[in-house]
C-alpha atoms as a PDB file:
ATOM      1  CA  UNK A   1     -13.722  26.800 -14.665  1.00  0.00           C
ATOM      2  CA  UNK A   2     -10.354  25.665 -12.616  1.00  0.00           C
ATOM      3  CA  UNK A   3     -11.095  22.750 -12.308  1.00  0.00           C
ATOM      4  CA  UNK A   4     -11.073  22.088 -16.162  1.00  0.00           C
ATOM      5  CA  UNK A   5      -7.997  24.122 -16.345  1.00  0.00           C
ATOM      6  CA  UNK A   6      -6.337  21.690 -13.787  1.00  0.00           C
ATOM      7  CA  UNK A   7      -7.731  18.478 -15.624  1.00  0.00           C
ATOM      8  CA  UNK A   8      -6.113  20.178 -18.894  1.00  0.00           C
ATOM      9  CA  UNK A   9      -3.470  20.446 -17.078  1.00  0.00           C
ATOM     10  CA  UNK A  10      -3.087  17.096 -15.814  1.00  0.00           C
ATOM     11  CA  UNK A  11      -3.459  16.005 -19.409  1.00  0.00           C
ATOM     12  CA  UNK A  12      -0.697  17.586 -20.597  1.00  0.00           C
ATOM     13  CA  UNK A  13       1.079  15.171 -17.676  1.00  0.00           C
ATOM     14  CA  UNK A  14       1.285  18.048 -15.199  1.00  0.00           C
ATOM     15  CA  UNK A  15       0.767  16.443 -11.382  1.00  0.00           C
ATOM     16  CA  UNK A  16       1.786  19.999 -10.066  1.00  0.00           C
ATOM     17  CA  UNK A  17       1.138  23.779 -10.393  1.00  0.00           C
ATOM     18  CA  UNK A  18       1.306  27.050  -8.446  1.00  0.00           C
ATOM     19  CA  UNK A  19      -0.577  29.806  -7.505  1.00  0.00           C
ATOM     20  CA  UNK A  20       0.506  31.608 -10.584  1.00  0.00           C
ATOM     21  CA  UNK A  21      -0.624  29.251 -13.050  1.00  0.00           C
ATOM     22  CA  UNK A  22      -3.764  29.420 -11.984  1.00  0.00           C
ATOM     23  CA  UNK A  23      -4.165  33.098 -10.803  1.00  0.00           C
ATOM     24  CA  UNK A  24      -4.806  34.649 -14.716  1.00  0.00           C
ATOM     25  CA  UNK A  25      -7.823  32.907 -15.281  1.00  0.00           C
ATOM     26  CA  UNK A  26      -9.975  34.470 -17.536  1.00  0.00           C
ATOM     27  CA  UNK A  27     -12.902  36.562 -15.650  1.00  0.00           C
ATOM     28  CA  UNK A  28     -12.059  35.159 -12.086  1.00  0.00           C
ATOM     29  CA  UNK A  29     -10.834  37.342  -9.138  1.00  0.00           C
ATOM     30  CA  UNK A  30      -7.845  35.973  -7.097  1.00  0.00           C
ATOM     31  CA  UNK A  31     -10.506  35.505  -4.411  1.00  0.00           C
ATOM     32  CA  UNK A  32     -12.764  33.590  -6.693  1.00  0.00           C
ATOM     33  CA  UNK A  33      -9.929  31.058  -7.950  1.00  0.00           C
ATOM     34  CA  UNK A  34      -8.583  30.887  -4.163  1.00  0.00           C
ATOM     35  CA  UNK A  35     -12.153  29.842  -2.778  1.00  0.00           C
ATOM     36  CA  UNK A  36     -12.275  27.125  -5.606  1.00  0.00           C
ATOM     37  CA  UNK A  37      -9.145  26.236  -4.899  1.00  0.00           C
ATOM     38  CA  UNK A  38     -10.366  25.975  -1.530  1.00  0.00           C
ATOM     39  CA  UNK A  39     -13.442  23.425  -2.631  1.00  0.00           C
ATOM     40  CA  UNK A  40     -10.926  21.252  -4.936  1.00  0.00           C
ATOM     41  CA  UNK A  41      -8.866  20.756  -1.577  1.00  0.00           C
ATOM     42  CA  UNK A  42     -11.641  19.845   0.267  1.00  0.00           C
ATOM     43  CA  UNK A  43     -13.121  17.207  -2.186  1.00  0.00           C
ATOM     44  CA  UNK A  44      -9.882  15.797  -2.246  1.00  0.00           C
ATOM     45  CA  UNK A  45      -9.085  16.599  -5.755  1.00  0.00           C
ATOM     46  CA  UNK A  46      -5.775  18.469  -5.296  1.00  0.00           C
ATOM     47  CA  UNK A  47      -3.472  18.905  -1.978  1.00  0.00           C
ATOM     48  CA  UNK A  48      -1.194  21.210  -0.916  1.00  0.00           C
ATOM     49  CA  UNK A  49       2.181  20.052   0.984  1.00  0.00           C
ATOM     50  CA  UNK A  50       3.309  23.458   1.052  1.00  0.00           C
ATOM     51  CA  UNK A  51       1.929  26.907   1.411  1.00  0.00           C
ATOM     52  CA  UNK A  52       0.983  28.138  -2.492  1.00  0.00           C
ATOM     53  CA  UNK A  53       2.082  25.046  -4.236  1.00  0.00           C
ATOM     54  CA  UNK A  54      -0.331  22.202  -5.332  1.00  0.00           C
ATOM     55  CA  UNK A  55      -0.619  18.466  -6.628  1.00  0.00           C
ATOM     56  CA  UNK A  56      -3.640  16.866  -8.377  1.00  0.00           C
ATOM     57  CA  UNK A  57      -4.510  13.793  -6.894  1.00  0.00           C
ATOM     58  CA  UNK A  58      -5.659  11.304  -8.751  1.00  0.00           C
ATOM     59  CA  UNK A  59      -8.865   8.962  -7.996  1.00  0.00           C
ATOM     60  CA  UNK A  60      -6.170   6.263  -7.046  1.00  0.00           C
ATOM     61  CA  UNK A  61      -4.795   8.216  -4.890  1.00  0.00           C
ATOM     62  CA  UNK A  62      -7.754  10.191  -3.024  1.00  0.00           C
ATOM     63  CA  UNK A  63      -7.637   7.600  -0.014  1.00  0.00           C
ATOM     64  CA  UNK A  64      -4.015   8.637   0.633  1.00  0.00           C
ATOM     65  CA  UNK A  65      -4.877  12.381   0.329  1.00  0.00           C
ATOM     66  CA  UNK A  66      -1.644  13.364  -1.930  1.00  0.00           C
ATOM     67  CA  UNK A  67       0.467  11.518  -4.478  1.00  0.00           C
ATOM     68  CA  UNK A  68       3.496   9.843  -3.158  1.00  0.00           C
ATOM     69  CA  UNK A  69       6.454  12.213  -2.854  1.00  0.00           C
ATOM     70  CA  UNK A  70       8.621  11.151  -5.164  1.00  0.00           C
ATOM     71  CA  UNK A  71       5.999  12.282  -7.892  1.00  0.00           C
ATOM     72  CA  UNK A  72       6.013  15.720  -6.165  1.00  0.00           C
ATOM     73  CA  UNK A  73       9.598  16.775  -4.378  1.00  0.00           C
ATOM     74  CA  UNK A  74      11.526  17.322  -7.571  1.00  0.00           C
ATOM     75  CA  UNK A  75       9.023  20.210  -8.822  1.00  0.00           C
ATOM     76  CA  UNK A  76       8.674  21.411  -5.167  1.00  0.00           C
ATOM     77  CA  UNK A  77      12.272  21.888  -4.799  1.00  0.00           C
ATOM     78  CA  UNK A  78      12.488  23.649  -8.591  1.00  0.00           C
ATOM     79  CA  UNK A  79       9.578  25.358  -7.492  1.00  0.00           C
ATOM     80  CA  UNK A  80      12.188  26.833  -4.255  1.00  0.00           C
ATOM     81  CA  UNK A  81      15.196  26.873  -6.319  1.00  0.00           C
ATOM     82  CA  UNK A  82      17.041  24.363  -3.877  1.00  0.00           C
ATOM     83  CA  UNK A  83      19.517  21.936  -4.109  1.00  0.00           C
ATOM     84  CA  UNK A  84      18.549  18.201  -2.729  1.00  0.00           C
ATOM     85  CA  UNK A  85      18.307  14.749  -3.444  1.00  0.00           C
ATOM     86  CA  UNK A  86      16.407  11.605  -2.025  1.00  0.00           C
ATOM     87  CA  UNK A  87      18.773  10.278   0.527  1.00  0.00           C
ATOM     88  CA  UNK A  88      19.101   7.807   3.504  1.00  0.00           C
ATOM     89  CA  UNK A  89      16.516   4.733   3.704  1.00  0.00           C
ATOM     90  CA  UNK A  90      14.285   6.490   0.658  1.00  0.00           C
ATOM     91  CA  UNK A  91      17.377   6.066  -1.458  1.00  0.00           C
ATOM     92  CA  UNK A  92      18.671   2.557  -0.031  1.00  0.00           C
ATOM     93  CA  UNK A  93      15.027   1.504  -1.423  1.00  0.00           C
ATOM     94  CA  UNK A  94      15.526   2.751  -5.236  1.00  0.00           C
ATOM     95  CA  UNK A  95      19.427   0.982  -4.599  1.00  0.00           C
ATOM     96  CA  UNK A  96      17.213  -2.412  -3.460  1.00  0.00           C
ATOM     97  CA  UNK A  97      18.829  -2.380  -0.203  1.00  0.00           C
ATOM     98  CA  UNK A  98      16.171  -1.629   2.291  1.00  0.00           C
ATOM     99  CA  UNK A  99      14.535  -4.809   3.750  1.00  0.00           C
ATOM    100  CA  UNK A 100      11.303  -2.880   4.600  1.00  0.00           C
ATOM    101  CA  UNK A 101       9.633   0.226   2.609  1.00  0.00           C
ATOM    102  CA  UNK A 102      10.154   3.509   4.880  1.00  0.00           C
ATOM    103  CA  UNK A 103       7.360   4.653   6.761  1.00  0.00           C
ATOM    104  CA  UNK A 104       8.834   8.528   5.592  1.00  0.00           C
ATOM    105  CA  UNK A 105      10.383   9.899   2.407  1.00  0.00           C
ATOM    106  CA  UNK A 106      13.964  11.285   3.350  1.00  0.00           C
ATOM    107  CA  UNK A 107      15.130  14.213   1.667  1.00  0.00           C
ATOM    108  CA  UNK A 108      18.324  16.116   1.785  1.00  0.00           C
ATOM    109  CA  UNK A 109      18.405  19.652   1.015  1.00  0.00           C
ATOM    110  CA  UNK A 110      20.665  22.631   1.026  1.00  0.00           C
ATOM    111  CA  UNK A 111      18.642  24.236   3.692  1.00  0.00           C
ATOM    112  CA  UNK A 112      16.514  23.343   6.546  1.00  0.00           C
ATOM    113  CA  UNK A 113      13.136  22.639   6.408  1.00  0.00           C
ATOM    114  CA  UNK A 114      10.160  21.509   8.405  1.00  0.00           C
ATOM    115  CA  UNK A 115       8.249  18.062   7.728  1.00  0.00           C
ATOM    116  CA  UNK A 116       5.903  17.948   5.015  1.00  0.00           C
ATOM    117  CA  UNK A 117       2.605  16.584   6.114  1.00  0.00           C
ATOM    118  CA  UNK A 118       0.503  15.722   2.891  1.00  0.00           C
ATOM    119  CA  UNK A 119      -2.619  13.632   3.904  1.00  0.00           C
ATOM    120  CA  UNK A 120      -0.852  10.105   5.034  1.00  0.00           C
ATOM    121  CA  UNK A 121       2.560  11.314   2.670  1.00  0.00           C
ATOM    122  CA  UNK A 122       5.463  12.479   5.014  1.00  0.00           C
ATOM    123  CA  UNK A 123       8.219  13.949   3.970  1.00  0.00           C
ATOM    124  CA  UNK A 124      11.170  15.083   6.486  1.00  0.00           C
ATOM    125  CA  UNK A 125      13.964  16.960   5.548  1.00  0.00           C
ATOM    126  CA  UNK A 126      18.031  16.923   6.124  1.00  0.00           C
ATOM    127  CA  UNK A 127      20.160  19.368   6.323  1.00  0.00           C
ATOM    128  CA  UNK A 128      23.480  19.169   4.533  1.00  0.00           C
ATOM    129  CA  UNK A 129      25.404  22.371   3.439  1.00  0.00           C
ATOM    130  CA  UNK A 130      27.183  20.531   0.315  1.00  0.00           C
ATOM    131  CA  UNK A 131      23.871  19.032  -1.158  1.00  0.00           C
ATOM    132  CA  UNK A 132      24.794  20.093  -4.392  1.00  0.00           C
ATOM    133  CA  UNK A 133      27.726  18.495  -4.374  1.00  0.00           C
ATOM    134  CA  UNK A 134      26.850  15.237  -3.797  1.00  0.00           C
ATOM    135  CA  UNK A 135      26.433  13.322  -6.617  1.00  0.00           C
ATOM    136  CA  UNK A 136      23.279  11.836  -7.648  1.00  0.00           C
ATOM    137  CA  UNK A 137      21.463   9.604  -9.743  1.00  0.00           C
ATOM    138  CA  UNK A 138      18.419  10.130 -12.035  1.00  0.00           C
ATOM    139  CA  UNK A 139      15.557   7.849 -11.226  1.00  0.00           C
ATOM    140  CA  UNK A 140      12.377   7.690 -13.702  1.00  0.00           C
ATOM    141  CA  UNK A 141       8.842   8.035 -11.697  1.00  0.00           C
ATOM    142  CA  UNK A 142       5.403   8.610 -13.381  1.00  0.00           C
ATOM    143  CA  UNK A 143       5.232  12.631 -12.855  1.00  0.00           C
ATOM    144  CA  UNK A 144       8.901  13.123 -14.008  1.00  0.00           C
ATOM    145  CA  UNK A 145      12.646  12.172 -12.918  1.00  0.00           C
ATOM    146  CA  UNK A 146      13.952  12.519  -9.134  1.00  0.00           C
ATOM    147  CA  UNK A 147      17.224  12.450  -7.954  1.00  0.00           C
ATOM    148  CA  UNK A 148      18.701  10.208  -5.352  1.00  0.00           C
ATOM    149  CA  UNK A 149      21.605   9.465  -3.757  1.00  0.00           C
ATOM    150  CA  UNK A 150      24.402   7.280  -5.553  1.00  0.00           C
ATOM    151  CA  UNK A 151      25.314   3.773  -3.538  1.00  0.00           C
ATOM    152  CA  UNK A 152      28.198   5.491  -2.192  1.00  0.00           C
ATOM    153  CA  UNK A 153      26.576   8.734  -0.963  1.00  0.00           C
ATOM    154  CA  UNK A 154      24.072   6.530   0.468  1.00  0.00           C
ATOM    155  CA  UNK A 155      26.388   4.567   2.704  1.00  0.00           C
ATOM    156  CA  UNK A 156      27.995   7.967   3.695  1.00  0.00           C
ATOM    157  CA  UNK A 157      24.824   9.601   4.852  1.00  0.00           C
ATOM    158  CA  UNK A 158      23.537   6.746   6.639  1.00  0.00           C
ATOM    159  CA  UNK A 159      26.132   6.924   9.041  1.00  0.00           C
ATOM    160  CA  UNK A 160      25.903  10.430   9.432  1.00  0.00           C
ATOM    161  CA  UNK A 161      22.060  10.066  10.240  1.00  0.00           C
ATOM    162  CA  UNK A 162      22.453   6.399  11.641  1.00  0.00           C
ATOM    163  CA  UNK A 163      19.571   7.772  14.557  1.00  0.00           C
ATOM    164  CA  UNK A 164      17.253   8.670  11.757  1.00  0.00           C
ATOM    165  CA  UNK A 165      17.312   5.221   9.681  1.00  0.00           C
ATOM    166  CA  UNK A 166      16.543   2.962  12.911  1.00  0.00           C
ATOM    167  CA  UNK A 167      20.219   2.835  14.225  1.00  0.00           C
ATOM    168  CA  UNK A 168      23.458   1.249  13.745  1.00  0.00           C
ATOM    169  CA  UNK A 169      22.190  -2.586  13.592  1.00  0.00           C
ATOM    170  CA  UNK A 170      19.794  -1.346  10.685  1.00  0.00           C
ATOM    171  CA  UNK A 171      22.295   0.380   8.812  1.00  0.00           C
ATOM    172  CA  UNK A 172      24.471  -2.465   8.828  1.00  0.00           C
ATOM    173  CA  UNK A 173      22.001  -4.634   7.749  1.00  0.00           C
ATOM    174  CA  UNK A 174      21.343  -2.278   4.490  1.00  0.00           C
ATOM    175  CA  UNK A 175      25.129  -2.251   4.052  1.00  0.00           C
ATOM    176  CA  UNK A 176      25.605  -6.121   3.589  1.00  0.00           C
ATOM    177  CA  UNK A 177      23.201  -5.248   0.695  1.00  0.00           C
ATOM    178  CA  UNK A 178      24.046  -1.839  -0.714  1.00  0.00           C
ATOM    179  CA  UNK A 179      27.806  -2.605  -0.673  1.00  0.00           C
ATOM    180  CA  UNK A 180      27.218  -4.927  -3.418  1.00  0.00           C
ATOM    181  CA  UNK A 181      26.946  -1.478  -5.769  1.00  0.00           C
ATOM    182  CA  UNK A 182      29.317   0.511  -4.209  1.00  0.00           C
ATOM    183  CA  UNK A 183      32.267   1.380  -6.476  1.00  0.00           C
ATOM    184  CA  UNK A 184      35.719   1.516  -4.058  1.00  0.00           C
ATOM    185  CA  UNK A 185      37.299   4.242  -6.237  1.00  0.00           C
ATOM    186  CA  UNK A 186      33.910   6.452  -6.534  1.00  0.00           C
ATOM    187  CA  UNK A 187      33.598   5.927  -2.638  1.00  0.00           C
ATOM    188  CA  UNK A 188      36.962   7.245  -2.184  1.00  0.00           C
ATOM    189  CA  UNK A 189      36.658  10.267  -4.098  1.00  0.00           C
ATOM    190  CA  UNK A 190      33.439  11.468  -1.956  1.00  0.00           C
ATOM    191  CA  UNK A 191      35.116  11.030   1.057  1.00  0.00           C
ATOM    192  CA  UNK A 192      36.262  14.278   0.985  1.00  0.00           C
ATOM    193  CA  UNK A 193      32.999  15.963   1.027  1.00  0.00           C
ATOM    194  CA  UNK A 194      31.997  14.259   3.795  1.00  0.00           C
ATOM    195  CA  UNK A 195      33.519  14.657   8.049  1.00  0.00           C
ATOM    196  CA  UNK A 196      36.173  12.142   8.412  1.00  0.00           C
ATOM    197  CA  UNK A 197      34.225  10.402  11.618  1.00  0.00           C
ATOM    198  CA  UNK A 198      31.435   9.334   8.796  1.00  0.00           C
ATOM    199  CA  UNK A 199      34.431   7.681   7.003  1.00  0.00           C
ATOM    200  CA  UNK A 200      36.087   6.154   9.526  1.00  0.00           C
ATOM    201  CA  UNK A 201      32.593   5.017  11.583  1.00  0.00           C
ATOM    202  CA  UNK A 202      31.570   3.324   7.530  1.00  0.00           C
ATOM    203  CA  UNK A 203      34.848   1.702   7.154  1.00  0.00           C
ATOM    204  CA  UNK A 204      34.628  -0.210  10.128  1.00  0.00           C
ATOM    205  CA  UNK A 205      30.469  -1.088   9.129  1.00  0.00           C
ATOM    206  CA  UNK A 206      31.664  -2.339   5.962  1.00  0.00           C
ATOM    207  CA  UNK A 207      34.474  -4.583   7.017  1.00  0.00           C
ATOM    208  CA  UNK A 208      31.890  -6.080   9.716  1.00  0.00           C
ATOM    209  CA  UNK A 209      29.939  -7.202   6.874  1.00  0.00           C
ATOM    210  CA  UNK A 210      31.981  -8.633   4.889  1.00  0.00           C
ATOM    211  CA  UNK A 211      32.913  -5.830   2.404  1.00  0.00           C
ATOM    212  CA  UNK A 212      36.706  -5.720   3.278  1.00  0.00           C
ATOM    213  CA  UNK A 213      37.437  -5.141  -0.640  1.00  0.00           C
ATOM    214  CA  UNK A 214      34.960  -2.350  -1.295  1.00  0.00           C
ATOM    215  CA  UNK A 215      36.311   0.026   2.011  1.00  0.00           C
ATOM    216  CA  UNK A 216      40.060  -0.222   0.558  1.00  0.00           C
ATOM    217  CA  UNK A 217      39.998   3.033  -0.914  1.00  0.00           C
ATOM    218  CA  UNK A 218      38.540   4.861   2.085  1.00  0.00           C
ATOM    219  CA  UNK A 219      41.233   2.572   3.713  1.00  0.00           C
ATOM    220  CA  UNK A 220      43.865   4.421   2.295  1.00  0.00           C
ATOM    221  CA  UNK A 221      41.929   8.305   2.853  1.00  0.00           C
ATOM    222  CA  UNK A 222      41.916   6.973   6.655  1.00  0.00           C
ATOM    223  CA  UNK A 223      45.053   6.355   7.247  1.00  0.00           C
ATOM    224  CA  UNK A 224      47.002   9.087   5.339  1.00  0.00           C
ATOM    225  CA  UNK A 225      44.472  11.234   7.190  1.00  0.00           C
ATOM    226  CA  UNK A 226      44.908   9.632  11.064  1.00  0.00           C
ATOM    227  CA  UNK A 227      42.466  11.160  11.982  1.00  0.00           C
ATOM    228  CA  UNK A 228      41.613  11.118  15.737  1.00  0.00           C
ATOM    229  CA  UNK A 229      40.060   8.240  17.196  1.00  0.00           C
ATOM    230  CA  UNK A 230      35.849   8.549  16.776  1.00  0.00           C
ATOM    231  CA  UNK A 231      33.606   6.529  18.793  1.00  0.00           C
ATOM    232  CA  UNK A 232      30.971   3.923  16.541  1.00  0.00           C
ATOM    233  CA  UNK A 233      28.261   5.492  18.537  1.00  0.00           C
ATOM    234  CA  UNK A 234      28.733   9.056  19.314  1.00  0.00           C
ATOM    235  CA  UNK A 235      25.972   8.974  21.783  1.00  0.00           C
ATOM    236  CA  UNK A 236      27.159   5.873  24.380  1.00  0.00           C
ATOM    237  CA  UNK A 237      30.374   6.809  26.387  1.00  0.00           C
ATOM    238  CA  UNK A 238      33.829   5.327  25.324  1.00  0.00           C
ATOM    239  CA  UNK A 239      34.418   4.253  29.089  1.00  0.00           C
ATOM    240  CA  UNK A 240      36.044   0.995  28.531  1.00  0.00           C
ATOM    241  CA  UNK A 241      35.715   0.660  24.671  1.00  0.00           C
ATOM    242  CA  UNK A 242      38.358  -1.278  22.669  1.00  0.00           C
ATOM    243  CA  UNK A 243      39.838   0.622  19.739  1.00  0.00           C
ATOM    244  CA  UNK A 244      39.937  -0.363  16.172  1.00  0.00           C
ATOM    245  CA  UNK A 245      43.529   0.330  15.280  1.00  0.00           C
ATOM    246  CA  UNK A 246      43.082   0.671  11.101  1.00  0.00           C
ATOM    247  CA  UNK A 247      40.295   2.606  11.369  1.00  0.00           C
ATOM    248  CA  UNK A 248      40.467   4.192  14.258  1.00  0.00           C
ATOM    249  CA  UNK A 249      37.158   3.734  15.864  1.00  0.00           C
ATOM    250  CA  UNK A 250      36.082   3.057  19.305  1.00  0.00           C
ATOM    251  CA  UNK A 251      34.240   0.077  19.398  1.00  0.00           C
ATOM    252  CA  UNK A 252      31.599   1.129  22.000  1.00  0.00           C
ATOM    253  CA  UNK A 253      28.663  -0.463  20.730  1.00  0.00           C
ATOM    254  CA  UNK A 254      27.889  -4.370  19.076  1.00  0.00           C
ATOM    255  CA  UNK A 255      26.164  -3.988  15.840  1.00  0.00           C
ATOM    256  CA  UNK A 256      24.275  -7.041  14.597  1.00  0.00           C
ATOM    257  CA  UNK A 257      22.841  -7.180  11.669  1.00  0.00           C
ATOM    258  CA  UNK A 258      19.668  -8.419  10.556  1.00  0.00           C
ATOM    259  CA  UNK A 259      21.092 -10.904   7.679  1.00  0.00           C
END
């Protein structure tokens, strides 16, 4: 009975469901439903990336043990009632700026969340208090609509979470292609929502990859703010480092994009 009901959900275009969606099946106790869910889970027909939240696994995804993250994250975050967007390397991939497919799906959320492992699918969450205010774009997936950060927001987040994005060399590599899609005015507007140090480092990196015109707006913003100097690589010493006066950045490492 439960298997038939889940098939009906899939036929209606549903890829996810919660326990409450099946808890009132006729002639079935909650204990019996949980036992049936457990059996379907063992058979690989459903997966549970989050407690009480299930995904329907079609035959083509049985080897992975779960559907792709972009197909269940929107429903999961809606179920949790939280603001989110796919960001960092995952967003860069959607903007055709990632040189290789990320091994982990990266999500920015307004609350701290533990990573998710669902079969071979891995999702890492990154906290950003003002995630709801960050501009996003909508991407169609086989399961619905996924929110991703805009090119401008992606660029700033890559700087803010550089160690989770393969380091400065990789971020600079991504910027060589992402810069083509960046609107200088939108980047300038978005700068006020990010730490000023992110803006300084991003401006320096954009100019270092030849995107001078795209960095013009945030250059003006930095001139107006006159922030304290910040290290290009926050984890490294600034002893003996030269200062780039335009962006007020200590050049304490050499950046070599793969272009």
